[in-house]
Amino acid sequence: MSSHDLVYGNLAVSRVLGPMECVHALYGQAPRTKCPFTDDELAELARTNEILVYVPAGIGATEMCRRWGFRSNCDFDADRLIRYAMPNEDHWFLASASKTPELIYKSAVAAKRTYEEDGLHGMDVRRYLAFAATFRFLYGNLPDQVYWTFLLAGSYDRSGISIIGFDAYGMINHHGWMKDFKAKFVGSRYSVLAPRIEVVHETAVVPRSYRGGGRSGREADMD
């Protein structure tokens, strides 16, 4: 996690920001819904090399770019072929803190199958922008620079998929692509949705999904 100088009067104090403080810093206000991940799950993010990301309901991709100063080759509001996941719901997710995507040289079809086996979800444009802003805030650089990432939770047109990444100049590039395409510079990223709507005594013990964690993280299963 990143170290920031906080000023109390004339005294500057350098300390590490927690995951919830990062969310407050990015949006300038408290989230509208409580985080559905438990304190224990948040405490292990350093071990799992993951970060917490928040996406408010109703905020569009173009507004996200404006808010965080992202330049893009795409007018997200004008491109009506992009399909989003959960656009009308506040949601939280965990994502890998790796600087580059994983499952390089695997198609979107193969990557989605891999993630579904672990009970994981993909990203869409809004999730990706919130992830990228969180990553840059924490580590001081952009993720996926000169790589492409499949957005497995969204879609493009009727049967396509979005790919996204930052070019060498720091600009976001987005294109509609083919789900069965694979290349040595294209990968994927997962998102972990909380296994509960809210943290209460009965739900706190429900296991979350982990990359490589197998069937125990699925939202529903048959014994």
Protein backbone atom coordinates (compact mmCIF):
# COMPACT_ATOMS: atom_id res chain seq x y z
CA MET A 1 0.00 0.00 0.00
CA SER A 2 1.13 3.53 -0.63
CA SER A 3 2.53 5.92 1.95
CA HIS A 4 0.96 9.37 2.05
CA ASP A 5 1.81 12.54 3.98
CA LEU A 6 -1.14 13.64 6.08
CA VAL A 7 -0.98 17.12 7.60
CA TYR A 8 -2.23 17.78 11.13
CA GLY A 9 -1.71 21.50 11.78
CA ASN A 10 1.94 22.06 10.82
CA LEU A 11 2.90 18.43 11.43
CA ALA A 12 3.22 16.14 8.41
CA VAL A 13 2.74 12.47 9.29
CA SER A 14 3.64 9.78 6.76
CA ARG A 15 1.64 6.59 7.06
CA VAL A 16 0.12 3.80 5.01
CA LEU A 17 -3.48 4.26 3.96
CA GLY A 18 -5.93 1.42 4.53
CA PRO A 19 -8.24 0.13 1.78
CA MET A 20 -11.27 2.09 2.95
CA GLU A 21 -9.30 5.34 3.12
CA CYS A 22 -8.25 4.83 -0.49
CA VAL A 23 -11.91 4.60 -1.50
CA HIS A 24 -12.69 7.84 0.34
CA ALA A 25 -9.73 9.58 -1.32
CA LEU A 26 -10.77 8.53 -4.84
CA TYR A 27 -14.40 9.62 -4.56
CA GLY A 28 -14.07 12.50 -2.14
CA GLN A 29 -16.85 11.19 0.07
CA ALA A 30 -17.89 8.13 2.01
CA PRO A 31 -19.33 5.21 0.01
CA ARG A 32 -23.11 5.03 -0.12
CA THR A 33 -23.16 1.37 0.85
CA LYS A 34 -21.16 -0.47 3.48
CA CYS A 35 -18.32 -2.70 2.35
CA PRO A 36 -19.55 -6.35 2.34
CA PHE A 37 -16.08 -7.79 2.94
CA THR A 38 -15.19 -8.68 6.53
CA ASP A 39 -12.32 -7.13 8.49
CA ASP A 40 -10.49 -10.46 8.29
CA GLU A 41 -10.84 -10.55 4.50
CA LEU A 42 -9.52 -7.00 4.19
CA ALA A 43 -6.66 -7.75 6.57
CA GLU A 44 -5.34 -10.49 4.27
CA LEU A 45 -5.13 -8.39 1.10
CA ALA A 46 -1.36 -7.97 1.43
CA ARG A 47 -0.97 -11.76 1.61
CA THR A 48 -3.23 -12.40 -1.38
CA ASN A 49 -1.76 -9.44 -3.33
CA GLU A 50 -5.19 -7.94 -3.93
CA ILE A 51 -6.80 -4.52 -3.63
CA LEU A 52 -10.29 -3.37 -2.67
CA VAL A 53 -12.24 -1.47 -5.35
CA TYR A 54 -15.56 0.39 -5.08
CA VAL A 55 -17.91 1.25 -7.97
CA PRO A 56 -20.87 3.53 -7.18
CA ALA A 57 -24.18 3.02 -8.96
CA GLY A 58 -24.96 5.39 -11.78
CA ILE A 59 -21.50 6.84 -12.38
CA GLY A 60 -20.65 6.48 -16.07
CA ALA A 61 -17.33 5.54 -17.64
CA THR A 62 -16.87 8.99 -19.18
CA GLU A 63 -17.42 10.64 -15.79
CA MET A 64 -14.88 8.25 -14.26
CA CYS A 65 -12.30 9.25 -16.85
CA ARG A 66 -12.97 12.93 -16.17
CA ARG A 67 -12.82 12.47 -12.41
CA TRP A 68 -9.45 10.71 -12.48
CA GLY A 69 -7.88 12.46 -15.46
CA PHE A 70 -7.78 9.41 -17.73
CA ARG A 71 -7.43 10.19 -21.44
CA SER A 72 -9.17 7.71 -23.70
CA ASN A 73 -9.44 6.88 -27.39
CA CYS A 74 -13.13 6.12 -26.83
CA ASP A 75 -16.19 8.19 -26.00
CA PHE A 76 -17.74 5.64 -23.66
CA ASP A 77 -21.07 7.47 -23.43
CA ALA A 78 -21.40 7.59 -27.21
CA ASP A 79 -20.47 3.95 -27.83
CA ARG A 80 -23.82 2.22 -27.36
CA LEU A 81 -22.42 -1.22 -28.17
CA ILE A 82 -20.61 -1.51 -24.83
CA ARG A 83 -22.52 -3.59 -22.28
CA TYR A 84 -21.92 -3.01 -18.58
CA ALA A 85 -22.33 -5.23 -15.51
CA MET A 86 -24.38 -4.00 -12.52
CA PRO A 87 -24.63 -0.35 -13.71
CA ASN A 88 -27.43 0.46 -11.27
CA GLU A 89 -25.94 -1.13 -8.16
CA ASP A 90 -23.23 0.05 -5.82
CA HIS A 91 -20.72 -2.76 -5.61
CA TRP A 92 -17.37 -3.67 -4.15
CA PHE A 93 -14.86 -6.19 -5.39
CA LEU A 94 -11.33 -7.41 -4.84
CA ALA A 95 -8.85 -7.57 -7.69
CA SER A 96 -5.29 -8.70 -8.22
CA ALA A 97 -2.66 -6.05 -7.51
CA SER A 98 -0.42 -7.43 -10.24
CA LYS A 99 0.88 -4.74 -12.62
CA THR A 100 0.16 -6.95 -15.63
CA PRO A 101 -2.84 -9.13 -16.50
CA GLU A 102 -2.71 -12.88 -16.05
CA LEU A 103 -3.69 -15.75 -18.36
CA ILE A 104 -1.60 -14.25 -21.14
CA TYR A 105 -2.06 -16.06 -24.45
CA LYS A 106 -5.42 -17.44 -23.28
CA SER A 107 -8.62 -16.49 -25.09
CA ALA A 108 -11.50 -14.76 -23.34
CA VAL A 109 -13.47 -18.00 -23.57
CA ALA A 110 -10.72 -19.99 -21.82
CA ALA A 111 -10.11 -17.28 -19.21
CA LYS A 112 -13.78 -17.01 -18.28
CA ARG A 113 -13.98 -20.77 -17.86
CA THR A 114 -10.90 -20.70 -15.60
CA TYR A 115 -12.35 -17.96 -13.39
CA GLU A 116 -15.78 -19.57 -13.18
CA GLU A 117 -14.18 -22.73 -11.81
CA ASP A 118 -12.97 -20.63 -8.86
CA GLY A 119 -16.23 -18.70 -8.44
CA LEU A 120 -14.65 -15.52 -9.79
CA HIS A 121 -16.07 -12.83 -12.05
CA GLY A 122 -14.54 -10.63 -14.73
CA MET A 123 -14.41 -6.87 -15.14
CA ASP A 124 -16.33 -4.49 -17.36
CA VAL A 125 -15.31 -0.96 -18.37
CA ARG A 126 -16.52 0.71 -15.16
CA ARG A 127 -14.92 -1.87 -12.91
CA TYR A 128 -11.69 -1.61 -14.86
CA LEU A 129 -11.53 2.19 -14.62
CA ALA A 130 -12.18 2.07 -10.86
CA PHE A 131 -9.53 -0.64 -10.54
CA ALA A 132 -7.01 1.38 -12.57
CA ALA A 133 -7.63 4.52 -10.47
CA THR A 134 -7.22 2.53 -7.25
CA PHE A 135 -4.04 0.87 -8.53
CA ARG A 136 -2.50 4.19 -9.58
CA PHE A 137 -3.43 5.80 -6.26
CA LEU A 138 -1.79 2.99 -4.30
CA TYR A 139 1.31 2.33 -6.38
CA GLY A 140 1.93 5.51 -8.36
CA ASN A 141 1.80 3.93 -11.82
CA LEU A 142 -0.72 2.51 -14.24
CA PRO A 143 -1.57 -1.17 -14.64
CA ASP A 144 -1.51 -3.04 -17.96
CA GLN A 145 0.64 -0.50 -19.77
CA VAL A 146 1.21 -1.80 -23.34
CA TYR A 147 -0.94 -4.86 -22.54
CA TRP A 148 -4.54 -5.57 -23.46
CA THR A 149 -7.03 -7.02 -20.97
CA PHE A 150 -10.27 -8.86 -21.77
CA LEU A 151 -13.29 -7.45 -19.91
CA LEU A 152 -15.02 -10.72 -19.18
CA ALA A 153 -18.01 -9.32 -17.26
CA GLY A 154 -19.05 -7.03 -20.09
CA SER A 155 -19.65 -7.56 -23.78
CA TYR A 156 -19.41 -5.66 -27.03
CA ASP A 157 -22.17 -5.65 -29.64
CA ARG A 158 -23.88 -9.04 -30.00
CA SER A 159 -21.11 -11.59 -29.61
CA GLY A 160 -17.92 -9.60 -29.08
CA ILE A 161 -15.97 -8.56 -26.03
CA SER A 162 -14.18 -5.41 -24.91
CA ILE A 163 -10.42 -5.28 -24.60
CA ILE A 164 -8.76 -2.41 -22.75
CA GLY A 165 -5.35 -1.24 -21.63
CA PHE A 166 -3.03 1.74 -21.36
CA ASP A 167 -0.67 2.59 -24.19
CA ALA A 168 2.94 3.74 -23.76
CA TYR A 169 1.72 7.35 -23.37
CA GLY A 170 -0.74 6.58 -20.57
CA MET A 171 -3.88 6.78 -22.70
CA ILE A 172 -6.68 4.24 -22.27
CA ASN A 173 -7.37 2.29 -25.44
CA HIS A 174 -10.64 0.36 -25.79
CA HIS A 175 -11.82 -1.79 -28.68
CA GLY A 176 -14.44 -4.40 -29.42
CA TRP A 177 -12.76 -7.74 -30.11
CA MET A 178 -13.27 -11.47 -30.60
CA LYS A 179 -13.75 -13.82 -27.64
CA ASP A 180 -11.65 -16.63 -29.12
CA PHE A 181 -8.67 -14.40 -29.93
CA LYS A 182 -5.41 -14.97 -28.06
CA ALA A 183 -2.01 -13.29 -28.19
CA LYS A 184 1.15 -12.92 -26.13
CA PHE A 185 0.23 -9.37 -25.12
CA VAL A 186 -3.42 -10.03 -24.17
CA GLY A 187 -4.57 -11.34 -20.79
CA SER A 188 -7.42 -11.15 -18.31
CA ARG A 189 -8.23 -9.91 -14.82
CA TYR A 190 -10.66 -11.30 -12.27
CA SER A 191 -12.90 -9.63 -9.73
CA VAL A 192 -14.04 -11.15 -6.44
CA LEU A 193 -17.55 -10.18 -5.42
CA ALA A 194 -18.35 -10.57 -1.74
CA PRO A 195 -20.22 -13.79 -0.85
CA ARG A 196 -22.77 -11.76 1.13
CA ILE A 197 -24.96 -8.70 0.80
CA GLU A 198 -24.00 -7.40 4.23
CA VAL A 199 -21.74 -8.47 7.07
CA VAL A 200 -23.82 -9.93 9.89
CA HIS A 201 -23.15 -12.81 12.28
CA GLU A 202 -24.71 -15.39 9.96
CA THR A 203 -22.91 -14.26 6.81
CA ALA A 204 -19.47 -13.42 8.17
CA VAL A 205 -18.33 -17.05 8.00
CA VAL A 206 -19.37 -17.60 4.37
CA PRO A 207 -16.15 -18.15 2.38
CA ARG A 208 -15.10 -15.73 -0.35
CA SER A 209 -13.64 -16.87 -3.66
CA TYR A 210 -9.90 -17.12 -4.22
CA ARG A 211 -7.85 -17.42 -7.38
CA GLY A 212 -7.01 -21.10 -7.52
CA GLY A 213 -9.33 -21.75 -4.59
CA GLY A 214 -11.59 -24.21 -6.36
CA ARG A 215 -15.27 -24.90 -5.88
CA SER A 216 -15.61 -23.64 -2.29
CA GLY A 217 -15.78 -20.05 -3.52
CA ARG A 218 -18.68 -20.50 -5.89
CA GLU A 219 -21.89 -18.60 -5.18
CA ALA A 220 -23.95 -21.74 -5.73
CA ASP A 221 -23.04 -25.39 -6.12
CA MET A 222 -24.36 -28.91 -5.89
CA ASP A 223 -22.92 -31.38 -3.40
